[in-house]
Amino acid sequence: MKMSEFKYNLPEHLIAKFPPKQRGTTNLMVLDSGSGEISHEKYFNILEYIHEGDVVVLNETRVEKRRTYFLTPKGKEVEILFLNHTEDRKWYCLVKGARYVKEGNILSDKEDENIKVVVGKRQGDGFLIEPYLNEAKDIFEKVGHTPIPPYMKRSDTKDDYIRYNTIFARIQGSVAAPTASLNLTSEMLEGMERKGAKIVKVELEVGWGTFAPVREENIEEHNIHKERIAISKESAETINACKGKVWAFGTTVSRTLESVAYMEDGKYMVKEYHGDTDLYIYPGYEWKIVDVLVTNFHMPDSSLMLLVSSFAGKENIKRAYKEAVSKEYKFLSYGDSMLIGNNLSK
């Protein structure tokens, strides 16, 4: 299967550069994957589709201030994005301005020269970087910036650290947000519980694996970087006891749930797990756990386009994205969302 089959033209003016004034007020496209029917709602209308017995699964990871700016020994500024902790004190990082650095360089932060890092070996698209004296956590807190996506083409603001995190974000560890749930409000969550749905939390530390572009034309040749996931025994038990539908708010949640699926007595279940996943979902994948997916509109060259095409059907997604463009939906992290499921009803 070719990646070109999933690409579409994304006009620049449809990319959301800033969050909406209020969470929950964005647009919502509802796609019934069974009938192919498309309807248009507001994000807060998600509540109308949730029923007693459903289980709503959220990713409670928090985005850290992992975008940093350092100076090379020759005074060149480079941007370092801390992605994943690897071993000991080392981190796998992307470096913008990589041509100015080499293994062994000691870089000083442009704002605080007492904060330094050591450049290690090049690895894939990035480098292994080790904090020199400070801990990485101290670097993030003292001089870090919220790593809003580069397609926003602006610097981060203080407000981004709040709005690029969900209201229930708790566990530090991500460089990108679980964007499908950025618009959830406390009132919406309370409304779900009043309707008899249960809310459970899982964790996927969003890293390079989630947003790395698919550069291979044959989609089967793409490899996803490992990301850490966690699902507690309590969360697994609640999901396994679901009497309605399992809702995944975001592709990170869906990957987490599908990564821990197993068969027991002819039924797919999820297990308690703390570890890594490199699950790559593309058309042809057999979905085991997720019944309903809430997700934003994704980049044309991303593995997330393949995931949603797998869940909803490639032709359904192509029609939905064409309609989203024509109706000028807002795309990507701060944009509008889709609700996808089979036989959806209010």
Protein backbone atom coordinates (compact mmCIF):
# COMPACT_ATOMS: atom_id res chain seq x y z
CA MET A 1 0.00 0.00 0.00
CA LYS A 2 1.34 3.44 -0.98
CA MET A 3 1.58 6.47 1.29
CA SER A 4 0.55 8.68 -1.63
CA GLU A 5 -2.93 7.10 -1.42
CA PHE A 6 -3.49 8.80 1.94
CA LYS A 7 -2.12 12.27 1.28
CA TYR A 8 -4.30 15.33 0.78
CA ASN A 9 -3.78 19.04 0.24
CA LEU A 10 -3.84 20.97 3.52
CA PRO A 11 -4.24 24.72 2.96
CA GLU A 12 -2.03 26.77 5.26
CA HIS A 13 -4.92 28.92 6.50
CA LEU A 14 -6.73 25.87 7.90
CA ILE A 15 -3.92 25.05 10.35
CA ALA A 16 -4.94 26.22 13.83
CA LYS A 17 -2.15 28.43 15.15
CA PHE A 18 -3.77 29.18 18.52
CA PRO A 19 -6.23 27.40 20.81
CA PRO A 20 -9.91 28.41 20.87
CA LYS A 21 -10.90 31.00 23.47
CA GLN A 22 -12.79 28.34 25.40
CA ARG A 23 -12.24 24.59 25.56
CA GLY A 24 -15.09 22.55 24.11
CA THR A 25 -16.24 25.13 21.55
CA THR A 26 -14.46 23.74 18.49
CA ASN A 27 -16.22 21.94 15.65
CA LEU A 28 -16.84 18.19 15.64
CA MET A 29 -17.29 16.06 12.56
CA VAL A 30 -19.18 12.85 13.28
CA LEU A 31 -18.35 9.97 10.95
CA ASP A 32 -20.31 6.73 11.14
CA SER A 33 -17.81 4.22 9.82
CA GLY A 34 -20.55 1.68 9.10
CA SER A 35 -22.86 3.79 6.96
CA GLY A 36 -20.28 6.38 5.92
CA GLU A 37 -22.69 9.13 7.00
CA ILE A 38 -21.12 12.45 8.02
CA SER A 39 -22.72 15.04 10.28
CA HIS A 40 -21.49 18.24 11.89
CA GLU A 41 -21.68 19.16 15.57
CA LYS A 42 -19.80 21.09 18.23
CA TYR A 43 -17.21 19.38 20.42
CA PHE A 44 -19.42 19.58 23.50
CA ASN A 45 -22.02 17.50 21.62
CA ILE A 46 -19.80 14.45 22.19
CA LEU A 47 -21.78 14.01 25.42
CA GLU A 48 -24.90 13.17 23.41
CA TYR A 49 -23.24 10.07 21.94
CA ILE A 50 -22.01 8.65 25.23
CA HIS A 51 -24.30 6.16 26.97
CA GLU A 52 -24.61 4.28 30.21
CA GLY A 53 -22.12 1.41 30.35
CA ASP A 54 -19.58 3.08 28.09
CA VAL A 55 -15.96 3.44 29.21
CA VAL A 56 -14.12 6.62 28.27
CA VAL A 57 -10.33 6.24 28.19
CA LEU A 58 -8.05 9.28 28.49
CA ASN A 59 -4.28 9.76 28.30
CA GLU A 60 -3.21 11.67 31.42
CA THR A 61 0.32 12.46 30.26
CA ARG A 62 1.54 16.05 30.67
CA VAL A 63 3.63 17.94 28.14
CA GLU A 64 6.91 19.17 29.62
CA LYS A 65 8.86 22.24 28.54
CA ARG A 66 11.33 20.21 26.51
CA ARG A 67 12.24 22.68 23.75
CA THR A 68 15.54 24.34 24.66
CA TYR A 69 18.07 26.68 23.03
CA PHE A 70 21.82 26.24 23.44
CA LEU A 71 24.99 27.84 22.10
CA THR A 72 27.82 25.83 20.56
CA PRO A 73 31.47 26.48 21.52
CA LYS A 74 31.61 28.80 18.48
CA GLY A 75 28.50 30.71 19.54
CA LYS A 76 26.02 29.21 17.08
CA GLU A 77 22.48 28.83 18.42
CA VAL A 78 20.87 25.40 18.13
CA GLU A 79 17.46 24.17 19.22
CA ILE A 80 17.35 20.93 21.19
CA LEU A 81 14.10 19.05 21.63
CA PHE A 82 14.36 16.40 24.35
CA LEU A 83 12.30 13.44 23.16
CA ASN A 84 12.88 10.25 25.11
CA HIS A 85 15.00 9.35 28.12
CA THR A 86 17.19 6.44 27.01
CA GLU A 87 19.66 5.25 29.62
CA ASP A 88 21.50 6.66 32.62
CA ARG A 89 21.36 10.45 32.13
CA LYS A 90 21.17 10.37 28.34
CA TRP A 91 18.26 11.59 26.21
CA TYR A 92 17.41 11.07 22.57
CA CYS A 93 17.04 14.57 21.11
CA LEU A 94 16.32 16.28 17.83
CA VAL A 95 18.72 19.13 17.10
CA LYS A 96 17.81 21.97 14.76
CA GLY A 97 21.14 23.27 13.52
CA ALA A 98 22.75 19.84 13.79
CA ARG A 99 25.49 20.83 11.33
CA TYR A 100 26.97 23.07 14.02
CA VAL A 101 27.41 20.34 16.61
CA LYS A 102 29.53 17.23 16.88
CA GLU A 103 30.09 14.49 19.40
CA GLY A 104 31.85 15.72 22.52
CA ASN A 105 30.70 19.36 22.26
CA ILE A 106 29.65 21.02 25.49
CA LEU A 107 26.78 23.42 24.80
CA SER A 108 25.71 26.27 27.09
CA ASP A 109 22.14 27.46 27.42
CA LYS A 110 21.62 30.83 25.73
CA GLU A 111 19.79 32.21 28.79
CA ASP A 112 21.82 30.63 31.62
CA GLU A 113 25.44 29.75 30.86
CA ASN A 114 25.57 27.56 33.97
CA ILE A 115 23.21 25.11 32.31
CA LYS A 116 25.15 22.87 29.94
CA VAL A 117 24.70 19.64 27.97
CA VAL A 118 27.14 17.25 26.32
CA VAL A 119 26.55 16.07 22.77
CA GLY A 120 26.84 12.30 22.36
CA LYS A 121 26.61 10.01 19.38
CA ARG A 122 24.36 10.70 16.43
CA GLN A 123 21.51 8.19 16.41
CA GLY A 124 19.00 8.08 13.57
CA ASP A 125 17.46 11.52 13.09
CA GLY A 126 18.92 12.91 16.30
CA PHE A 127 21.63 12.76 18.94
CA LEU A 128 22.12 11.33 22.38
CA ILE A 129 22.39 14.32 24.72
CA GLU A 130 23.44 14.27 28.37
CA PRO A 131 22.87 17.10 30.88
CA TYR A 132 26.31 18.23 32.09
CA LEU A 133 25.66 19.24 35.70
CA ASN A 134 21.93 19.80 36.02
CA GLU A 135 19.24 17.18 35.81
CA ALA A 136 17.04 17.26 32.71
CA LYS A 137 14.03 18.14 34.84
CA ASP A 138 15.84 21.25 36.10
CA ILE A 139 16.67 22.28 32.54
CA PHE A 140 13.02 21.99 31.50
CA GLU A 141 11.80 23.98 34.49
CA LYS A 142 14.42 26.73 34.31
CA VAL A 143 14.90 27.40 30.60
CA GLY A 144 12.53 25.07 28.75
CA HIS A 145 9.81 26.13 26.31
CA THR A 146 6.50 24.42 25.59
CA PRO A 147 7.17 22.35 22.43
CA ILE A 148 4.24 23.52 20.36
CA PRO A 149 4.45 21.95 16.89
CA PRO A 150 6.66 23.73 14.34
CA TYR A 151 3.79 24.06 11.85
CA MET A 152 2.31 26.78 14.09
CA LYS A 153 5.26 28.92 12.97
CA ARG A 154 5.42 30.99 16.15
CA SER A 155 7.12 31.08 19.52
CA ASP A 156 5.39 29.56 22.51
CA THR A 157 3.59 31.72 25.05
CA LYS A 158 2.92 31.26 28.76
CA ASP A 159 -0.64 30.35 27.85
CA ASP A 160 0.56 27.46 25.69
CA TYR A 161 1.82 25.56 28.72
CA ILE A 162 -1.76 25.57 30.00
CA ARG A 163 -3.66 25.15 26.74
CA TYR A 164 -1.29 22.58 25.20
CA ASN A 165 -2.08 20.35 28.17
CA THR A 166 -5.38 18.71 29.02
CA ILE A 167 -7.26 19.72 32.17
CA PHE A 168 -6.50 16.30 33.66
CA ALA A 169 -2.82 16.08 32.66
CA ARG A 170 -0.95 14.63 35.61
CA ILE A 171 2.09 12.54 34.66
CA GLN A 172 5.08 14.45 33.26
CA GLY A 173 6.74 12.88 30.26
CA SER A 174 5.55 14.03 26.82
CA VAL A 175 6.74 16.36 24.08
CA ALA A 176 3.34 16.55 22.39
CA ALA A 177 -0.20 16.64 23.70
CA PRO A 178 -2.96 14.04 23.35
CA THR A 179 -4.75 16.66 21.30
CA ALA A 180 -8.14 14.98 20.92
CA SER A 181 -8.83 15.67 24.59
CA LEU A 182 -7.45 19.22 24.77
CA ASN A 183 -11.02 20.50 24.44
CA LEU A 184 -12.51 18.38 27.21
CA THR A 185 -13.85 20.40 30.13
CA SER A 186 -14.63 19.45 33.72
CA GLU A 187 -18.30 19.90 32.93
CA MET A 188 -18.08 17.43 30.06
CA LEU A 189 -16.32 14.83 32.18
CA GLU A 190 -18.89 15.24 34.94
CA GLY A 191 -21.64 14.91 32.35
CA MET A 192 -20.22 11.62 31.12
CA GLU A 193 -20.27 10.19 34.61
CA ARG A 194 -23.83 11.42 35.22
CA LYS A 195 -24.87 9.50 32.10
CA GLY A 196 -23.45 6.31 33.60
CA ALA A 197 -20.16 6.15 31.72
CA LYS A 198 -16.92 5.37 33.51
CA ILE A 199 -13.72 7.33 32.96
CA VAL A 200 -10.33 5.64 33.20
CA LYS A 201 -6.82 6.96 32.65
CA VAL A 202 -3.86 5.42 30.85
CA GLU A 203 -0.52 6.83 29.81
CA LEU A 204 1.46 7.07 26.60
CA GLU A 205 4.49 9.36 26.72
CA VAL A 206 4.10 11.11 23.40
CA GLY A 207 7.45 11.21 21.64
CA TRP A 208 9.05 10.99 18.22
CA GLY A 209 7.14 7.82 17.36
CA THR A 210 3.79 9.56 17.34
CA PHE A 211 4.56 12.49 15.06
CA ALA A 212 7.50 11.33 12.93
CA PRO A 213 6.57 11.61 9.24
CA VAL A 214 6.22 8.51 7.10
CA ARG A 215 9.01 8.93 4.55
CA GLU A 216 8.64 5.52 2.90
CA GLU A 217 6.27 5.23 -0.06
CA ASN A 218 5.47 1.64 0.88
CA ILE A 219 3.74 2.11 4.22
CA GLU A 220 4.68 -1.38 5.40
CA GLU A 221 8.35 -0.32 5.47
CA HIS A 222 7.84 2.42 8.06
CA ASN A 223 9.02 1.77 11.62
CA ILE A 224 7.66 3.57 14.67
CA HIS A 225 9.98 4.57 17.51
CA LYS A 226 9.23 3.07 20.90
CA GLU A 227 7.17 5.06 23.37
CA ARG A 228 6.46 4.28 27.00
CA ILE A 229 2.93 3.27 27.96
CA ALA A 230 1.24 2.36 31.21
CA ILE A 231 -2.14 0.94 32.12
CA SER A 232 -2.99 0.10 35.72
CA LYS A 233 -4.68 -3.06 36.92
CA GLU A 234 -7.71 -1.00 37.96
CA SER A 235 -8.02 0.65 34.54
CA ALA A 236 -7.67 -2.70 32.78
CA GLU A 237 -10.37 -4.26 34.94
CA THR A 238 -12.79 -1.39 34.28
CA ILE A 239 -12.25 -1.64 30.52
CA ASN A 240 -12.64 -5.42 30.55
CA ALA A 241 -15.94 -5.06 32.43
CA CYS A 242 -17.33 -2.56 29.90
CA LYS A 243 -21.01 -3.17 29.11
CA GLY A 244 -21.18 -0.56 26.37
CA LYS A 245 -18.54 0.87 24.06
CA VAL A 246 -14.89 1.60 24.74
CA TRP A 247 -14.06 5.19 23.80
CA ALA A 248 -10.49 6.16 22.98
CA PHE A 249 -9.90 9.90 23.22
CA GLY A 250 -6.98 10.18 20.84
CA THR A 251 -4.67 8.03 18.79
CA THR A 252 -2.30 7.70 21.76
CA VAL A 253 -5.05 6.07 23.81
CA SER A 254 -6.00 3.76 20.96
CA ARG A 255 -2.39 2.64 20.49
CA THR A 256 -2.04 2.05 24.22
CA LEU A 257 -5.18 -0.09 24.42
CA GLU A 258 -4.44 -2.07 21.28
CA SER A 259 -0.87 -2.66 22.46
CA VAL A 260 -2.02 -4.48 25.59
CA ALA A 261 -4.84 -6.53 24.03
CA TYR A 262 -4.96 -10.30 24.45
CA MET A 263 -7.50 -13.05 23.85
CA GLU A 264 -9.21 -14.82 26.74
CA ASP A 265 -12.15 -17.22 26.33
CA GLY A 266 -12.81 -15.98 22.84
CA LYS A 267 -12.91 -12.30 23.86
CA TYR A 268 -10.29 -9.59 23.57
CA MET A 269 -9.21 -8.09 26.89
CA VAL A 270 -6.56 -5.62 28.05
CA LYS A 271 -3.89 -6.30 30.65
CA GLU A 272 -2.01 -4.27 33.21
CA TYR A 273 1.24 -3.13 31.63
CA HIS A 274 4.15 -0.75 32.16
CA GLY A 275 6.67 -0.74 29.34
CA ASP A 276 7.24 0.22 25.72
CA THR A 277 5.19 0.00 22.56
CA ASP A 278 6.11 0.37 18.92
CA LEU A 279 2.71 -0.72 17.64
CA TYR A 280 2.20 0.55 14.10
CA ILE A 281 -1.44 0.62 12.99
CA TYR A 282 -2.29 0.96 9.31
CA PRO A 283 -5.07 -0.35 7.04
CA GLY A 284 -5.41 -4.10 7.39
CA TYR A 285 -4.96 -4.01 11.16
CA GLU A 286 -7.57 -5.95 13.16
CA TRP A 287 -8.93 -3.66 15.89
CA LYS A 288 -9.47 -5.49 19.16
CA ILE A 289 -10.51 -3.07 21.90
CA VAL A 290 -11.50 0.40 20.67
CA ASP A 291 -15.11 0.91 19.58
CA VAL A 292 -15.22 4.71 19.26
CA LEU A 293 -12.35 7.06 18.43
CA VAL A 294 -12.20 10.81 19.02
CA THR A 295 -9.32 12.36 17.13
CA ASN A 296 -8.15 15.60 15.54
CA PHE A 297 -7.36 16.09 11.85
CA HIS A 298 -3.82 14.95 11.07
CA MET A 299 -0.88 15.79 8.84
CA PRO A 300 -1.01 14.25 5.34
CA ASP A 301 2.30 12.37 5.76
CA SER A 302 1.75 11.05 9.29
CA SER A 303 1.29 7.56 10.66
CA LEU A 304 -1.81 8.96 12.37
CA MET A 305 -3.50 9.31 8.97
CA LEU A 306 -2.89 5.60 8.48
CA LEU A 307 -4.27 4.79 11.94
CA VAL A 308 -7.55 6.66 11.44
CA SER A 309 -7.87 5.20 7.93
CA SER A 310 -7.49 1.76 9.45
CA PHE A 311 -10.19 2.50 12.03
CA ALA A 312 -12.74 4.23 9.79
CA GLY A 313 -11.87 2.90 6.34
CA LYS A 314 -9.64 4.65 3.83
CA GLU A 315 -12.45 5.88 1.58
CA ASN A 316 -14.46 7.20 4.53
CA ILE A 317 -11.47 9.19 5.73
CA LYS A 318 -10.74 10.56 2.27
CA ARG A 319 -14.34 11.81 1.98
CA ALA A 320 -14.32 13.18 5.51
CA TYR A 321 -11.09 15.12 5.02
CA LYS A 322 -12.29 16.49 1.69
CA GLU A 323 -15.45 17.74 3.39
CA ALA A 324 -13.47 19.14 6.32
CA VAL A 325 -11.34 21.18 3.93
CA SER A 326 -14.38 22.41 1.99
CA LYS A 327 -16.14 23.47 5.21
CA GLU A 328 -12.93 25.04 6.50
CA TYR A 329 -12.50 22.97 9.61
CA LYS A 330 -9.38 23.84 11.58
CA PHE A 331 -6.66 21.18 11.43
CA LEU A 332 -4.00 19.71 13.72
CA SER A 333 -3.32 20.15 17.45
CA TYR A 334 -5.37 23.23 18.32
CA GLY A 335 -7.98 22.47 15.69
CA ASP A 336 -11.32 20.71 15.33
CA SER A 337 -12.02 17.04 15.98
CA MET A 338 -13.65 13.93 14.55
CA LEU A 339 -15.87 11.40 16.30
CA ILE A 340 -15.63 8.02 14.55
CA GLY A 341 -17.60 4.87 15.30
CA ASN A 342 -19.91 2.26 13.87
CA ASN A 343 -23.66 2.66 14.45
CA LEU A 344 -23.32 5.86 16.43
CA SER A 345 -26.50 7.05 18.12
CA LYS A 346 -27.63 9.80 20.45
